[in-house]
Amino acid sequence: MKKLLDIDSDVEFVADINDHKDCLMSQDPTQENPGALWFNIDIPKGHGIKAGDRVRVTVEKL
């Protein structure tokens, strides 16, 4: 696998999608910084993550 990037960020919002998954969100609130990276990622329930928690999202090419 080739690692493309890591995004270290505070989770801004956890959305309840359905009975099986939530969505973690971290976005650039201004959209004015062209270098800002953000994410919205669905994860299975039971993760224990809440708004304000710091997470790392890694993107790898298989």
PDB file of N, CA and C in Angstrom:
ATOM      1  N   MET A   1       0.838  -1.173   0.000  1.00  0.00           N
ATOM      2  CA  MET A   1       0.000   0.000   0.000  1.00  0.00           C
ATOM      3  C   MET A   1       0.888   1.242   0.000  1.00  0.00           C
ATOM      4  N   LYS A   2       0.412   2.248  -0.679  1.00  0.00           N
ATOM      5  CA  LYS A   2       1.121   3.516  -0.715  1.00  0.00           C
ATOM      6  C   LYS A   2       0.307   4.563   0.041  1.00  0.00           C
ATOM      7  N   LYS A   3       0.893   5.095   1.135  1.00  0.00           N
ATOM      8  CA  LYS A   3       0.202   6.126   1.902  1.00  0.00           C
ATOM      9  C   LYS A   3       0.236   7.427   1.116  1.00  0.00           C
ATOM     10  N   LEU A   4      -0.936   8.032   0.941  1.00  0.00           N
ATOM     11  CA  LEU A   4      -1.039   9.292   0.224  1.00  0.00           C
ATOM     12  C   LEU A   4      -1.045  10.483   1.168  1.00  0.00           C
ATOM     13  N   LEU A   5      -1.745  10.361   2.314  1.00  0.00           N
ATOM     14  CA  LEU A   5      -1.758  11.460   3.271  1.00  0.00           C
ATOM     15  C   LEU A   5      -2.398  11.045   4.576  1.00  0.00           C
ATOM     16  N   ASP A   6      -2.100  11.822   5.612  1.00  0.00           N
ATOM     17  CA  ASP A   6      -2.768  11.740   6.907  1.00  0.00           C
ATOM     18  C   ASP A   6      -3.417  13.092   7.150  1.00  0.00           C
ATOM     19  N   ILE A   7      -4.642  13.072   7.647  1.00  0.00           N
ATOM     20  CA  ILE A   7      -5.306  14.293   8.084  1.00  0.00           C
ATOM     21  C   ILE A   7      -5.507  14.163   9.585  1.00  0.00           C
ATOM     22  N   ASP A   8      -4.848  15.020  10.360  1.00  0.00           N
ATOM     23  CA  ASP A   8      -5.037  15.079  11.807  1.00  0.00           C
ATOM     24  C   ASP A   8      -5.952  16.252  12.083  1.00  0.00           C
ATOM     25  N   SER A   9      -7.096  15.989  12.721  1.00  0.00           N
ATOM     26  CA  SER A   9      -8.074  17.057  12.901  1.00  0.00           C
ATOM     27  C   SER A   9      -8.990  16.762  14.074  1.00  0.00           C
ATOM     28  N   ASP A  10      -9.599  17.826  14.603  1.00  0.00           N
ATOM     29  CA  ASP A  10     -10.654  17.670  15.594  1.00  0.00           C
ATOM     30  C   ASP A  10     -11.956  17.344  14.872  1.00  0.00           C
ATOM     31  N   VAL A  11     -12.717  16.412  15.412  1.00  0.00           N
ATOM     32  CA  VAL A  11     -14.038  16.112  14.866  1.00  0.00           C
ATOM     33  C   VAL A  11     -14.965  17.257  15.257  1.00  0.00           C
ATOM     34  N   GLU A  12     -15.582  17.869  14.259  1.00  0.00           N
ATOM     35  CA  GLU A  12     -16.489  18.981  14.521  1.00  0.00           C
ATOM     36  C   GLU A  12     -17.911  18.520  14.802  1.00  0.00           C
ATOM     37  N   PHE A  13     -18.305  17.410  14.182  1.00  0.00           N
ATOM     38  CA  PHE A  13     -19.696  16.978  14.271  1.00  0.00           C
ATOM     39  C   PHE A  13     -19.772  15.482  14.012  1.00  0.00           C
ATOM     40  N   VAL A  14     -20.618  14.789  14.765  1.00  0.00           N
ATOM     41  CA  VAL A  14     -20.906  13.375  14.517  1.00  0.00           C
ATOM     42  C   VAL A  14     -22.376  13.280  14.153  1.00  0.00           C
ATOM     43  N   ALA A  15     -22.677  12.877  12.920  1.00  0.00           N
ATOM     44  CA  ALA A  15     -24.058  12.777  12.445  1.00  0.00           C
ATOM     45  C   ALA A  15     -24.557  11.346  12.564  1.00  0.00           C
ATOM     46  N   ASP A  16     -25.786  11.193  13.024  1.00  0.00           N
ATOM     47  CA  ASP A  16     -26.457   9.899  13.108  1.00  0.00           C
ATOM     48  C   ASP A  16     -27.060   9.604  11.740  1.00  0.00           C
ATOM     49  N   ILE A  17     -26.474   8.657  11.004  1.00  0.00           N
ATOM     50  CA  ILE A  17     -26.946   8.336   9.657  1.00  0.00           C
ATOM     51  C   ILE A  17     -28.120   7.355   9.695  1.00  0.00           C
ATOM     52  N   ASN A  18     -27.930   6.222  10.365  1.00  0.00           N
ATOM     53  CA  ASN A  18     -28.989   5.222  10.499  1.00  0.00           C
ATOM     54  C   ASN A  18     -28.658   4.311  11.680  1.00  0.00           C
ATOM     55  N   ASP A  19     -29.315   3.168  11.784  1.00  0.00           N
ATOM     56  CA  ASP A  19     -29.092   2.261  12.909  1.00  0.00           C
ATOM     57  C   ASP A  19     -27.713   1.622  12.909  1.00  0.00           C
ATOM     58  N   HIS A  20     -26.995   1.706  11.784  1.00  0.00           N
ATOM     59  CA  HIS A  20     -25.730   0.985  11.639  1.00  0.00           C
ATOM     60  C   HIS A  20     -24.497   1.877  11.582  1.00  0.00           C
ATOM     61  N   LYS A  21     -24.664   3.156  11.213  1.00  0.00           N
ATOM     62  CA  LYS A  21     -23.473   3.993  11.022  1.00  0.00           C
ATOM     63  C   LYS A  21     -23.720   5.458  11.383  1.00  0.00           C
ATOM     64  N   ASP A  22     -22.600   6.121  11.670  1.00  0.00           N
ATOM     65  CA  ASP A  22     -22.551   7.558  11.897  1.00  0.00           C
ATOM     66  C   ASP A  22     -21.601   8.168  10.871  1.00  0.00           C
ATOM     67  N   CYS A  23     -21.588   9.484  10.797  1.00  0.00           N
ATOM     68  CA  CYS A  23     -20.673  10.192   9.910  1.00  0.00           C
ATOM     69  C   CYS A  23     -19.852  11.162  10.742  1.00  0.00           C
ATOM     70  N   LEU A  24     -18.513  11.031  10.678  1.00  0.00           N
ATOM     71  CA  LEU A  24     -17.609  11.963  11.332  1.00  0.00           C
ATOM     72  C   LEU A  24     -17.317  13.094  10.360  1.00  0.00           C
ATOM     73  N   MET A  25     -17.377  14.324  10.844  1.00  0.00           N
ATOM     74  CA  MET A  25     -17.165  15.469   9.960  1.00  0.00           C
ATOM     75  C   MET A  25     -16.141  16.428  10.543  1.00  0.00           C
ATOM     76  N   SER A  26     -15.261  16.871   9.672  1.00  0.00           N
ATOM     77  CA  SER A  26     -14.323  17.931   9.981  1.00  0.00           C
ATOM     78  C   SER A  26     -14.143  18.722   8.697  1.00  0.00           C
ATOM     79  N   GLN A  27     -14.569  19.980   8.697  1.00  0.00           N
ATOM     80  CA  GLN A  27     -14.533  20.782   7.476  1.00  0.00           C
ATOM     81  C   GLN A  27     -13.848  22.110   7.722  1.00  0.00           C
ATOM     82  N   ASP A  28     -13.313  22.680   6.651  1.00  0.00           N
ATOM     83  CA  ASP A  28     -12.785  24.034   6.697  1.00  0.00           C
ATOM     84  C   ASP A  28     -13.990  24.965   6.710  1.00  0.00           C
ATOM     85  N   PRO A  29     -14.219  25.694   7.814  1.00  0.00           N
ATOM     86  CA  PRO A  29     -15.437  26.502   7.901  1.00  0.00           C
ATOM     87  C   PRO A  29     -15.472  27.691   6.939  1.00  0.00           C
ATOM     88  N   THR A  30     -14.330  28.080   6.421  1.00  0.00           N
ATOM     89  CA  THR A  30     -14.310  29.273   5.562  1.00  0.00           C
ATOM     90  C   THR A  30     -14.269  28.936   4.082  1.00  0.00           C
ATOM     91  N   GLN A  31     -13.699  27.787   3.740  1.00  0.00           N
ATOM     92  CA  GLN A  31     -13.477  27.390   2.338  1.00  0.00           C
ATOM     93  C   GLN A  31     -12.589  28.399   1.606  1.00  0.00           C
ATOM     94  N   GLU A  32     -11.919  29.271   2.357  1.00  0.00           N
ATOM     95  CA  GLU A  32     -11.043  30.276   1.759  1.00  0.00           C
ATOM     96  C   GLU A  32      -9.599  29.814   1.667  1.00  0.00           C
ATOM     97  N   ASN A  33      -9.236  28.769   2.385  1.00  0.00           N
ATOM     98  CA  ASN A  33      -7.873  28.264   2.362  1.00  0.00           C
ATOM     99  C   ASN A  33      -7.804  27.095   1.381  1.00  0.00           C
ATOM    100  N   PRO A  34      -7.214  27.304   0.202  1.00  0.00           N
ATOM    101  CA  PRO A  34      -7.181  26.230  -0.799  1.00  0.00           C
ATOM    102  C   PRO A  34      -6.354  25.018  -0.366  1.00  0.00           C
ATOM    103  N   GLY A  35      -5.522  25.177   0.646  1.00  0.00           N
ATOM    104  CA  GLY A  35      -4.716  24.062   1.130  1.00  0.00           C
ATOM    105  C   GLY A  35      -5.351  23.275   2.258  1.00  0.00           C
ATOM    106  N   ALA A  36      -6.498  23.731   2.741  1.00  0.00           N
ATOM    107  CA  ALA A  36      -7.156  23.044   3.859  1.00  0.00           C
ATOM    108  C   ALA A  36      -7.728  21.702   3.411  1.00  0.00           C
ATOM    109  N   LEU A  37      -7.507  20.688   4.217  1.00  0.00           N
ATOM    110  CA  LEU A  37      -8.057  19.354   3.956  1.00  0.00           C
ATOM    111  C   LEU A  37      -9.096  19.051   5.024  1.00  0.00           C
ATOM    112  N   TRP A  38     -10.188  18.437   4.625  1.00  0.00           N
ATOM    113  CA  TRP A  38     -11.238  18.083   5.566  1.00  0.00           C
ATOM    114  C   TRP A  38     -11.852  16.764   5.149  1.00  0.00           C
ATOM    115  N   PHE A  39     -12.717  16.209   5.997  1.00  0.00           N
ATOM    116  CA  PHE A  39     -13.316  14.907   5.700  1.00  0.00           C
ATOM    117  C   PHE A  39     -14.732  14.800   6.225  1.00  0.00           C
ATOM    118  N   ASN A  40     -15.502  13.975   5.569  1.00  0.00           N
ATOM    119  CA  ASN A  40     -16.792  13.435   6.028  1.00  0.00           C
ATOM    120  C   ASN A  40     -16.672  11.939   5.773  1.00  0.00           C
ATOM    121  N   ILE A  41     -16.707  11.145   6.806  1.00  0.00           N
ATOM    122  CA  ILE A  41     -16.502   9.710   6.625  1.00  0.00           C
ATOM    123  C   ILE A  41     -17.499   8.930   7.481  1.00  0.00           C
ATOM    124  N   ASP A  42     -18.162   7.973   6.859  1.00  0.00           N
ATOM    125  CA  ASP A  42     -19.089   7.097   7.570  1.00  0.00           C
ATOM    126  C   ASP A  42     -18.305   6.007   8.296  1.00  0.00           C
ATOM    127  N   ILE A  43     -18.703   5.728   9.546  1.00  0.00           N
ATOM    128  CA  ILE A  43     -18.075   4.655  10.321  1.00  0.00           C
ATOM    129  C   ILE A  43     -19.168   3.889  11.065  1.00  0.00           C
ATOM    130  N   PRO A  44     -18.907   2.609  11.372  1.00  0.00           N
ATOM    131  CA  PRO A  44     -19.896   1.821  12.103  1.00  0.00           C
ATOM    132  C   PRO A  44     -20.154   2.401  13.495  1.00  0.00           C
ATOM    133  N   LYS A  45     -21.387   2.275  13.969  1.00  0.00           N
ATOM    134  CA  LYS A  45     -21.746   2.709  15.321  1.00  0.00           C
ATOM    135  C   LYS A  45     -20.909   1.955  16.351  1.00  0.00           C
ATOM    136  N   GLY A  46     -20.826   2.511  17.534  1.00  0.00           N
ATOM    137  CA  GLY A  46     -20.062   1.892  18.611  1.00  0.00           C
ATOM    138  C   GLY A  46     -18.645   2.418  18.701  1.00  0.00           C
ATOM    139  N   HIS A  47     -18.314   3.438  17.934  1.00  0.00           N
ATOM    140  CA  HIS A  47     -16.956   3.979  17.853  1.00  0.00           C
ATOM    141  C   HIS A  47     -16.566   4.797  19.081  1.00  0.00           C
ATOM    142  N   GLY A  48     -17.509   5.436  19.756  1.00  0.00           N
ATOM    143  CA  GLY A  48     -17.217   6.221  20.949  1.00  0.00           C
ATOM    144  C   GLY A  48     -16.615   7.593  20.678  1.00  0.00           C
ATOM    145  N   ILE A  49     -16.572   8.023  19.426  1.00  0.00           N
ATOM    146  CA  ILE A  49     -16.013   9.329  19.071  1.00  0.00           C
ATOM    147  C   ILE A  49     -17.090  10.391  19.227  1.00  0.00           C
ATOM    148  N   LYS A  50     -16.678  11.561  19.751  1.00  0.00           N
ATOM    149  CA  LYS A  50     -17.619  12.671  19.920  1.00  0.00           C
ATOM    150  C   LYS A  50     -16.984  13.951  19.384  1.00  0.00           C
ATOM    151  N   ALA A  51     -17.797  14.961  19.173  1.00  0.00           N
ATOM    152  CA  ALA A  51     -17.307  16.254  18.715  1.00  0.00           C
ATOM    153  C   ALA A  51     -16.218  16.737  19.658  1.00  0.00           C
ATOM    154  N   GLY A  52     -15.135  17.239  19.094  1.00  0.00           N
ATOM    155  CA  GLY A  52     -14.005  17.722  19.874  1.00  0.00           C
ATOM    156  C   GLY A  52     -12.876  16.722  20.003  1.00  0.00           C
ATOM    157  N   ASP A  53     -13.155  15.417  19.775  1.00  0.00           N
ATOM    158  CA  ASP A  53     -12.094  14.415  19.813  1.00  0.00           C
ATOM    159  C   ASP A  53     -11.149  14.630  18.641  1.00  0.00           C
ATOM    160  N   ARG A  54      -9.879  14.380  18.861  1.00  0.00           N
ATOM    161  CA  ARG A  54      -8.873  14.494  17.800  1.00  0.00           C
ATOM    162  C   ARG A  54      -8.711  13.124  17.156  1.00  0.00           C
ATOM    163  N   VAL A  55      -8.726  13.084  15.816  1.00  0.00           N
ATOM    164  CA  VAL A  55      -8.592  11.826  15.077  1.00  0.00           C
ATOM    165  C   VAL A  55      -7.588  12.001  13.944  1.00  0.00           C
ATOM    166  N   ARG A  56      -7.134  10.886  13.430  1.00  0.00           N
ATOM    167  CA  ARG A  56      -6.281  10.879  12.244  1.00  0.00           C
ATOM    168  C   ARG A  56      -6.952  10.005  11.191  1.00  0.00           C
ATOM    169  N   VAL A  57      -7.125  10.551  10.000  1.00  0.00           N
ATOM    170  CA  VAL A  57      -7.643   9.803   8.865  1.00  0.00           C
ATOM    171  C   VAL A  57      -6.482   9.586   7.904  1.00  0.00           C
ATOM    172  N   THR A  58      -6.221   8.334   7.560  1.00  0.00           N
ATOM    173  CA  THR A  58      -5.142   7.983   6.641  1.00  0.00           C
ATOM    174  C   THR A  58      -5.733   7.501   5.330  1.00  0.00           C
ATOM    175  N   VAL A  59      -5.200   8.016   4.227  1.00  0.00           N
ATOM    176  CA  VAL A  59      -5.632   7.595   2.898  1.00  0.00           C
ATOM    177  C   VAL A  59      -4.471   6.830   2.269  1.00  0.00           C
ATOM    178  N   GLU A  60      -4.759   5.582   1.853  1.00  0.00           N
ATOM    179  CA  GLU A  60      -3.754   4.735   1.211  1.00  0.00           C
ATOM    180  C   GLU A  60      -4.313   4.191  -0.085  1.00  0.00           C
ATOM    181  N   LYS A  61      -3.468   4.085  -1.071  1.00  0.00           N
ATOM    182  CA  LYS A  61      -3.872   3.478  -2.343  1.00  0.00           C
ATOM    183  C   LYS A  61      -3.478   2.004  -2.294  1.00  0.00           C
ATOM    184  N   LEU A  62      -4.446   1.132  -2.559  1.00  0.00           N
ATOM    185  CA  LEU A  62      -4.192  -0.306  -2.528  1.00  0.00           C
ATOM    186  C   LEU A  62      -3.661  -0.802  -3.842  1.00  0.00           C
TER     187      LEU A  62
END
